[in-house]
Amino acid sequence: MRKTLIASLALLMPAAVLAQEPAPAVTLPEAKVKAVMTAAVDGFIKPGYDAFAASAASTTKVVGALCAEPSDANYKAAQDSFRNTAKSWAHIEIVRTGPIIEQNRFERILFYPDRKSTGLKQVQAVLSKSDETATDPKTLGTKSVATQGLGALEYLLFGTDAQTLATAEKDSFRCRYAAAVAGNIANVAEEVSGIWDAPDGIQKAWEEPGPDNPAFRTGGEAMTALLGILVHGAEAVRDQRIETFYKGPDKAKFPKQALFWRSQNTWPSIIANIEGLKTLLATSKMVDLLPEKDKPVVAAIDKQLTAMATTAGSVTNDLEKAVADERERQKLDVLLAEGKDVIAKLNDGYGGAIGLSSGFSFADGD
């Protein structure tokens, strides 16, 4: 049973459960914790959401231009803009706590994993019925999350018959639906960005842990949440991004269950996830909380994440070949092994060094 710290469970679990499993009582230097939390928020979280909001807004304009003037050039521009926004999301996606997990915002941006192809079926149903309520971001935002996020937009721009967007009549239904999906994503992104940017809101709660803080009463609680972002983010890369379609050479393989396989954006997205982990680890200066003898673990984690990004970038975008070819599978096996080791280094290496891992588990249960 893998030991993984429980970090952000304090933000995800019901109060009744938390009463039974309180966060570990850890005493950390208050000034250093505040500096780390402030650096994480101001140097990574806020800029990350701001960048994603800007990218999503840009994609809305580009898709709108395609609808107004269908052409090969505008169609390619819309596809390229989608890829950029998907990567921008992947960079900040590791922050699976706070306002992004409230009001189904995360799922409205990305409904995944989707092992039963719910998203595909529902998007195809909207297309077959030419449901006009799906062409307005406001009404689309009230529908199933599977019809309104990046997965839906990818299918509309890259799925069956998507190429007709380049030659269709002006303002075709498919294009107007795609524009509404892009607009919905931009709306959610702007909302989350605004919540984090508000000076007296969540950013203050994260940057100033203390006895009167409803989110983090101690530095230990604050660091449990911050380390939880890294641990859960690393777990998501391994367990949701890779193991969803490949769990090993002797296991069943599902290349078309990989995220963004249609747009060949699976590996760029995974690399952006990894780069997000690297950036948060470096920008927050979490290393400053470690005793001198334990500081090398941060460099070791960064080095391993860099190696993972390099390996991911070398895997073919043809995922059917990636799971069938022995040489490509070896790269996938390396990614699974390195991902597991990164999780252990974060949990037992870093977390253990500051006193957060003894007897606690972040929770995935395997």
Protein backbone atom coordinates (compact mmCIF):
# COMPACT_ATOMS: atom_id res chain seq x y z
CA MET A 1 0.00 0.00 0.00
CA ARG A 2 1.68 3.13 -1.22
CA LYS A 3 2.08 5.86 1.41
CA THR A 4 0.96 9.19 0.04
CA LEU A 5 0.36 12.26 2.23
CA ILE A 6 -3.23 13.54 2.65
CA ALA A 7 -2.56 17.09 1.90
CA SER A 8 -5.47 18.84 0.29
CA LEU A 9 -8.06 16.50 1.73
CA ALA A 10 -8.69 19.33 4.19
CA LEU A 11 -10.16 21.23 1.25
CA LEU A 12 -11.95 18.32 -0.34
CA MET A 13 -13.47 16.21 2.43
CA PRO A 14 -16.59 16.74 4.53
CA ALA A 15 -16.14 18.24 7.98
CA ALA A 16 -17.41 15.06 9.64
CA VAL A 17 -14.60 13.07 8.04
CA LEU A 18 -12.01 15.68 8.86
CA ALA A 19 -13.06 15.57 12.49
CA GLN A 20 -12.02 11.93 12.55
CA GLU A 21 -8.74 12.43 10.68
CA PRO A 22 -7.26 15.83 11.57
CA ALA A 23 -4.27 17.26 9.76
CA PRO A 24 -0.94 16.38 11.35
CA ALA A 25 0.25 18.74 14.08
CA VAL A 26 3.46 20.06 12.57
CA THR A 27 5.33 23.13 13.75
CA LEU A 28 7.08 25.00 10.95
CA PRO A 29 8.73 28.45 10.96
CA GLU A 30 5.84 30.85 10.44
CA ALA A 31 7.72 33.46 8.41
CA LYS A 32 9.17 30.88 6.02
CA VAL A 33 5.81 29.18 5.51
CA LYS A 34 4.19 32.51 4.69
CA ALA A 35 6.97 33.26 2.23
CA VAL A 36 6.56 29.88 0.54
CA MET A 37 2.76 30.15 0.35
CA THR A 38 2.97 33.72 -0.99
CA ALA A 39 5.48 32.66 -3.63
CA ALA A 40 3.27 29.74 -4.65
CA VAL A 41 0.21 31.95 -5.04
CA ASP A 42 1.84 35.03 -6.58
CA GLY A 43 4.46 33.19 -8.62
CA PHE A 44 2.51 30.19 -9.90
CA ILE A 45 -1.20 29.91 -9.10
CA LYS A 46 -2.39 33.42 -9.99
CA PRO A 47 -0.20 33.78 -13.12
CA GLY A 48 -1.20 30.27 -14.18
CA TYR A 49 -4.92 30.99 -14.05
CA ASP A 50 -4.43 34.42 -15.61
CA ALA A 51 -2.52 32.85 -18.53
CA PHE A 52 -5.16 30.17 -18.99
CA ALA A 53 -7.94 32.77 -18.98
CA ALA A 54 -6.10 34.83 -21.60
CA SER A 55 -5.48 31.77 -23.79
CA ALA A 56 -9.10 30.64 -23.52
CA ALA A 57 -10.32 34.12 -24.46
CA SER A 58 -8.01 34.07 -27.47
CA THR A 59 -9.37 30.71 -28.60
CA THR A 60 -12.92 32.07 -28.37
CA LYS A 61 -11.98 34.88 -30.76
CA VAL A 62 -10.16 32.54 -33.15
CA VAL A 63 -13.05 30.07 -33.32
CA GLY A 64 -15.44 32.99 -33.79
CA ALA A 65 -13.33 34.16 -36.73
CA LEU A 66 -13.58 30.67 -38.25
CA CYS A 67 -17.37 30.77 -37.97
CA ALA A 68 -17.51 34.22 -39.57
CA GLU A 69 -15.17 33.26 -42.41
CA PRO A 70 -14.64 29.52 -42.93
CA SER A 71 -11.31 28.72 -44.60
CA ASP A 72 -8.42 26.30 -44.35
CA ALA A 73 -6.27 28.98 -42.72
CA ASN A 74 -8.89 29.89 -40.10
CA TYR A 75 -9.60 26.24 -39.41
CA LYS A 76 -5.91 25.53 -38.80
CA ALA A 77 -5.68 28.63 -36.61
CA ALA A 78 -8.58 27.34 -34.49
CA GLN A 79 -6.91 23.94 -34.11
CA ASP A 80 -3.60 25.55 -33.13
CA SER A 81 -5.34 27.82 -30.65
CA PHE A 82 -7.07 24.83 -29.06
CA ARG A 83 -3.73 23.09 -28.60
CA ASN A 84 -2.28 26.18 -26.94
CA THR A 85 -5.23 26.51 -24.57
CA ALA A 86 -5.14 22.82 -23.69
CA LYS A 87 -1.46 23.16 -22.79
CA SER A 88 -2.11 26.33 -20.81
CA TRP A 89 -4.79 24.48 -18.86
CA ALA A 90 -2.49 21.49 -18.27
CA HIS A 91 0.14 23.76 -16.73
CA ILE A 92 -2.24 25.01 -14.00
CA GLU A 93 -4.45 21.90 -13.90
CA ILE A 94 -2.35 20.44 -11.10
CA VAL A 95 -4.00 22.90 -8.69
CA ARG A 96 -6.94 20.64 -7.89
CA THR A 97 -8.11 22.59 -4.90
CA GLY A 98 -9.80 25.91 -4.14
CA PRO A 99 -12.38 27.52 -6.45
CA ILE A 100 -11.57 25.26 -9.40
CA ILE A 101 -13.19 22.28 -7.64
CA GLU A 102 -16.27 24.24 -6.61
CA GLN A 103 -19.47 24.43 -8.71
CA ASN A 104 -18.19 21.73 -11.09
CA ARG A 105 -15.70 24.22 -12.56
CA PHE A 106 -12.97 21.63 -13.06
CA GLU A 107 -15.30 19.23 -14.88
CA ARG A 108 -16.76 22.08 -16.94
CA ILE A 109 -13.25 22.75 -18.24
CA LEU A 110 -12.21 19.11 -18.57
CA PHE A 111 -14.45 16.07 -18.16
CA TYR A 112 -11.87 13.28 -17.91
CA PRO A 113 -11.29 10.35 -17.49
CA ASP A 114 -14.32 9.36 -19.54
CA ARG A 115 -14.08 5.58 -19.81
CA LYS A 116 -17.68 5.18 -21.01
CA SER A 117 -17.30 7.81 -23.75
CA THR A 118 -20.08 9.85 -22.18
CA GLY A 119 -18.67 13.07 -23.59
CA LEU A 120 -18.43 11.72 -27.14
CA LYS A 121 -22.02 10.44 -27.06
CA GLN A 122 -23.42 13.66 -25.65
CA VAL A 123 -21.52 15.92 -28.05
CA GLN A 124 -22.64 13.78 -30.98
CA ALA A 125 -26.23 14.01 -29.68
CA VAL A 126 -26.02 17.82 -29.61
CA LEU A 127 -24.74 17.79 -33.19
CA SER A 128 -27.37 15.37 -34.45
CA LYS A 129 -30.20 17.40 -32.90
CA SER A 130 -28.71 20.79 -33.79
CA ASP A 131 -29.59 21.88 -30.26
CA GLU A 132 -29.51 25.67 -30.48
CA THR A 133 -29.30 26.03 -26.68
CA ALA A 134 -25.75 24.65 -27.00
CA THR A 135 -24.67 27.62 -29.13
CA ASP A 136 -24.84 30.14 -26.29
CA PRO A 137 -22.11 29.91 -23.60
CA LYS A 138 -24.61 30.85 -20.89
CA THR A 139 -27.14 28.12 -21.66
CA LEU A 140 -24.39 25.65 -22.56
CA GLY A 141 -22.92 26.23 -19.11
CA THR A 142 -26.06 24.79 -17.53
CA LYS A 143 -25.90 21.55 -19.51
CA SER A 144 -23.96 18.36 -18.85
CA VAL A 145 -20.30 19.04 -18.12
CA ALA A 146 -19.44 16.50 -20.80
CA THR A 147 -20.78 18.81 -23.52
CA GLN A 148 -19.00 22.05 -22.60
CA GLY A 149 -15.26 21.61 -21.97
CA LEU A 150 -11.96 20.96 -23.70
CA GLY A 151 -12.94 17.39 -24.57
CA ALA A 152 -16.02 18.61 -26.41
CA LEU A 153 -14.06 21.34 -28.17
CA GLU A 154 -11.41 18.89 -29.27
CA TYR A 155 -14.02 16.65 -30.90
CA LEU A 156 -15.67 19.59 -32.63
CA LEU A 157 -12.34 20.75 -34.07
CA PHE A 158 -10.62 17.39 -34.66
CA GLY A 159 -13.27 14.65 -34.58
CA THR A 160 -15.39 13.06 -37.30
CA ASP A 161 -16.33 15.59 -40.01
CA ALA A 162 -14.45 18.39 -38.24
CA GLN A 163 -12.72 19.28 -41.50
CA THR A 164 -16.06 20.53 -42.83
CA LEU A 165 -15.57 23.60 -40.63
CA ALA A 166 -13.15 24.90 -43.25
CA THR A 167 -15.68 24.65 -46.08
CA ALA A 168 -19.04 24.98 -44.35
CA GLU A 169 -21.37 27.93 -44.78
CA LYS A 170 -20.82 30.92 -42.55
CA ASP A 171 -21.96 30.34 -38.95
CA SER A 172 -22.66 26.64 -39.35
CA PHE A 173 -24.18 24.90 -36.32
CA ARG A 174 -21.05 22.90 -35.55
CA CYS A 175 -18.92 26.03 -35.56
CA ARG A 176 -21.34 28.03 -33.42
CA TYR A 177 -21.42 25.15 -30.94
CA ALA A 178 -17.59 25.11 -30.91
CA ALA A 179 -17.54 28.87 -30.34
CA ALA A 180 -19.94 28.48 -27.43
CA VAL A 181 -17.77 25.75 -25.88
CA ALA A 182 -14.71 27.98 -26.23
CA GLY A 183 -16.66 30.86 -24.71
CA ASN A 184 -17.84 28.73 -21.81
CA ILE A 185 -14.28 27.62 -21.05
CA ALA A 186 -13.16 31.26 -21.18
CA ASN A 187 -15.96 32.29 -18.81
CA VAL A 188 -15.04 29.64 -16.24
CA ALA A 189 -11.34 30.48 -16.57
CA GLU A 190 -12.00 34.19 -16.07
CA GLU A 191 -14.17 33.46 -13.03
CA VAL A 192 -11.50 31.33 -11.35
CA SER A 193 -8.77 33.83 -12.20
CA GLY A 194 -10.86 36.61 -10.68
CA ILE A 195 -11.43 34.67 -7.46
CA TRP A 196 -7.70 34.12 -7.00
CA ASP A 197 -6.89 37.74 -7.89
CA ALA A 198 -9.28 39.20 -5.28
CA PRO A 199 -6.95 40.56 -2.54
CA ASP A 200 -9.16 39.66 0.45
CA GLY A 201 -10.24 36.24 -0.76
CA ILE A 202 -8.54 32.89 -1.18
CA GLN A 203 -5.12 34.37 -1.91
CA LYS A 204 -5.11 36.01 1.52
CA ALA A 205 -6.23 32.75 3.16
CA TRP A 206 -3.36 30.90 1.47
CA GLU A 207 -0.72 33.53 2.11
CA GLU A 208 -1.49 34.18 5.76
CA PRO A 209 -2.02 30.95 7.72
CA GLY A 210 -2.84 31.54 11.37
CA PRO A 211 -5.25 30.75 14.22
CA ASP A 212 -7.94 33.06 12.80
CA ASN A 213 -7.62 31.75 9.26
CA PRO A 214 -10.58 29.48 8.35
CA ALA A 215 -8.51 27.64 5.73
CA PHE A 216 -5.13 27.10 7.42
CA ARG A 217 -4.75 27.57 11.15
CA THR A 218 -1.10 26.52 11.15
CA GLY A 219 1.86 26.42 8.84
CA GLY A 220 1.63 22.64 8.87
CA GLU A 221 -1.89 22.75 7.47
CA ALA A 222 -0.84 25.22 4.79
CA MET A 223 2.14 23.11 3.71
CA THR A 224 0.00 19.99 3.74
CA ALA A 225 -2.25 21.62 1.16
CA LEU A 226 0.64 22.92 -0.95
CA LEU A 227 2.48 19.63 -0.93
CA GLY A 228 -0.85 17.98 -1.73
CA ILE A 229 -1.00 19.89 -5.02
CA LEU A 230 2.33 18.39 -6.03
CA VAL A 231 1.53 14.86 -4.88
CA HIS A 232 -1.92 14.78 -6.45
CA GLY A 233 -0.58 16.41 -9.59
CA ALA A 234 2.13 13.76 -9.95
CA GLU A 235 -0.43 11.04 -9.26
CA ALA A 236 -2.73 12.46 -11.94
CA VAL A 237 0.04 12.35 -14.54
CA ARG A 238 0.76 8.72 -13.80
CA ASP A 239 -2.65 7.34 -12.89
CA GLN A 240 -5.02 9.41 -15.05
CA ARG A 241 -2.95 10.54 -18.00
CA ILE A 242 -0.92 7.40 -18.70
CA GLU A 243 -2.53 4.46 -16.93
CA THR A 244 -5.91 5.36 -18.40
CA PHE A 245 -4.67 3.92 -21.70
CA TYR A 246 -1.55 1.96 -20.71
CA LYS A 247 -0.85 0.10 -17.46
CA GLY A 248 1.97 -2.17 -18.59
CA PRO A 249 3.04 -4.48 -21.43
CA ASP A 250 0.91 -7.38 -20.21
CA LYS A 251 -2.23 -5.34 -19.48
CA ALA A 252 -5.06 -4.34 -21.77
CA LYS A 253 -4.33 -1.19 -23.76
CA PHE A 254 -6.79 1.54 -24.72
CA PRO A 255 -5.00 4.15 -26.88
CA LYS A 256 -8.24 5.93 -27.78
CA GLN A 257 -8.97 6.58 -24.12
CA ALA A 258 -5.92 8.82 -23.89
CA LEU A 259 -6.65 12.49 -23.32
CA PHE A 260 -6.52 14.60 -26.52
CA TRP A 261 -5.52 11.74 -28.82
CA ARG A 262 -7.51 13.20 -31.70
CA SER A 263 -5.51 16.43 -31.68
CA GLN A 264 -2.20 14.63 -31.02
CA ASN A 265 -1.97 16.71 -27.88
CA THR A 266 -1.62 13.86 -25.39
CA TRP A 267 2.11 14.25 -24.81
CA PRO A 268 2.25 18.06 -25.04
CA SER A 269 -0.46 18.14 -22.38
CA ILE A 270 1.39 15.68 -20.14
CA ILE A 271 4.61 17.65 -20.57
CA ALA A 272 2.73 20.81 -19.55
CA ASN A 273 1.48 18.98 -16.44
CA ILE A 274 5.06 18.05 -15.59
CA GLU A 275 6.32 21.57 -16.28
CA GLY A 276 3.61 22.86 -13.95
CA LEU A 277 4.92 20.61 -11.19
CA LYS A 278 8.48 21.77 -11.82
CA THR A 279 7.48 25.43 -11.86
CA LEU A 280 5.47 25.25 -8.64
CA LEU A 281 8.25 23.39 -6.85
CA ALA A 282 10.85 25.96 -7.93
CA THR A 283 8.78 29.14 -7.74
CA SER A 284 7.44 28.47 -4.24
CA LYS A 285 10.98 27.92 -2.93
CA MET A 286 9.73 25.00 -0.84
CA VAL A 287 13.35 23.96 -0.50
CA ASP A 288 13.79 26.78 2.06
CA LEU A 289 11.74 24.85 4.61
CA LEU A 290 14.07 21.85 4.55
CA PRO A 291 17.01 21.17 6.85
CA GLU A 292 20.27 21.56 4.95
CA LYS A 293 20.88 17.80 4.82
CA ASP A 294 17.51 17.19 3.15
CA LYS A 295 17.62 19.96 0.53
CA PRO A 296 19.06 17.70 -2.22
CA VAL A 297 15.68 15.93 -2.46
CA VAL A 298 14.19 18.97 -4.22
CA ALA A 299 16.94 18.94 -6.86
CA ALA A 300 16.41 15.19 -7.25
CA ILE A 301 12.67 15.66 -7.81
CA ASP A 302 13.27 18.42 -10.34
CA LYS A 303 15.82 16.29 -12.19
CA GLN A 304 13.44 13.36 -12.36
CA LEU A 305 10.57 15.53 -13.58
CA THR A 306 12.86 16.92 -16.27
CA ALA A 307 13.72 13.38 -17.34
CA MET A 308 10.02 12.49 -17.46
CA ALA A 309 9.27 15.49 -19.68
CA THR A 310 12.10 14.48 -22.02
CA THR A 311 10.87 10.90 -22.20
CA ALA A 312 7.27 12.01 -22.80
CA GLY A 313 8.45 14.25 -25.61
CA SER A 314 10.12 11.30 -27.32
CA VAL A 315 7.03 9.07 -27.44
CA THR A 316 5.24 8.92 -30.78
CA ASN A 317 1.98 10.83 -31.12
CA ASP A 318 0.53 7.72 -32.76
CA LEU A 319 -0.77 6.16 -29.54
CA GLU A 320 -1.79 2.90 -31.18
CA LYS A 321 1.85 2.47 -32.19
CA ALA A 322 3.00 3.68 -28.77
CA VAL A 323 1.22 0.83 -26.99
CA ALA A 324 2.06 -1.79 -29.65
CA ASP A 325 5.73 -1.12 -30.41
CA GLU A 326 8.17 -2.58 -27.89
CA ARG A 327 10.56 0.38 -27.95
CA GLU A 328 7.75 2.86 -27.46
CA ARG A 329 6.26 0.75 -24.66
CA GLN A 330 9.58 0.80 -22.87
CA LYS A 331 9.31 4.60 -22.73
CA LEU A 332 5.83 4.30 -21.25
CA ASP A 333 7.13 1.83 -18.67
CA VAL A 334 9.88 4.29 -17.75
CA LEU A 335 7.31 7.06 -17.30
CA LEU A 336 5.20 4.89 -14.99
CA ALA A 337 8.24 3.93 -12.91
CA GLU A 338 9.59 7.48 -12.72
CA GLY A 339 6.15 8.82 -11.86
CA LYS A 340 5.89 6.43 -8.94
CA ASP A 341 9.34 7.44 -7.74
CA VAL A 342 8.53 11.16 -7.94
CA ILE A 343 5.43 10.60 -5.80
CA ALA A 344 7.55 8.76 -3.22
CA LYS A 345 10.18 11.50 -3.20
CA LEU A 346 7.55 14.18 -2.68
CA ASN A 347 5.74 12.26 0.02
CA ASP A 348 8.48 10.50 1.93
CA GLY A 349 11.44 12.65 0.90
CA TYR A 350 10.11 16.17 1.13
CA GLY A 351 7.06 15.53 3.31
CA GLY A 352 8.99 13.32 5.69
CA ALA A 353 11.75 15.88 6.04
CA ILE A 354 9.35 18.56 7.28
CA GLY A 355 7.34 16.12 9.38
CA LEU A 356 4.19 15.68 7.31
CA SER A 357 4.20 12.05 6.23
CA SER A 358 4.37 9.90 9.35
CA GLY A 359 1.19 7.85 9.63
CA PHE A 360 -0.74 9.89 7.10
CA SER A 361 -1.86 9.20 3.57
CA PHE A 362 -2.86 11.56 0.80
CA ALA A 363 -5.41 9.11 -0.10
CA ASP A 364 -5.49 7.22 -3.29
CA GLY A 365 -5.60 3.93 -1.41
CA ASP A 366 -3.37 1.73 -3.54
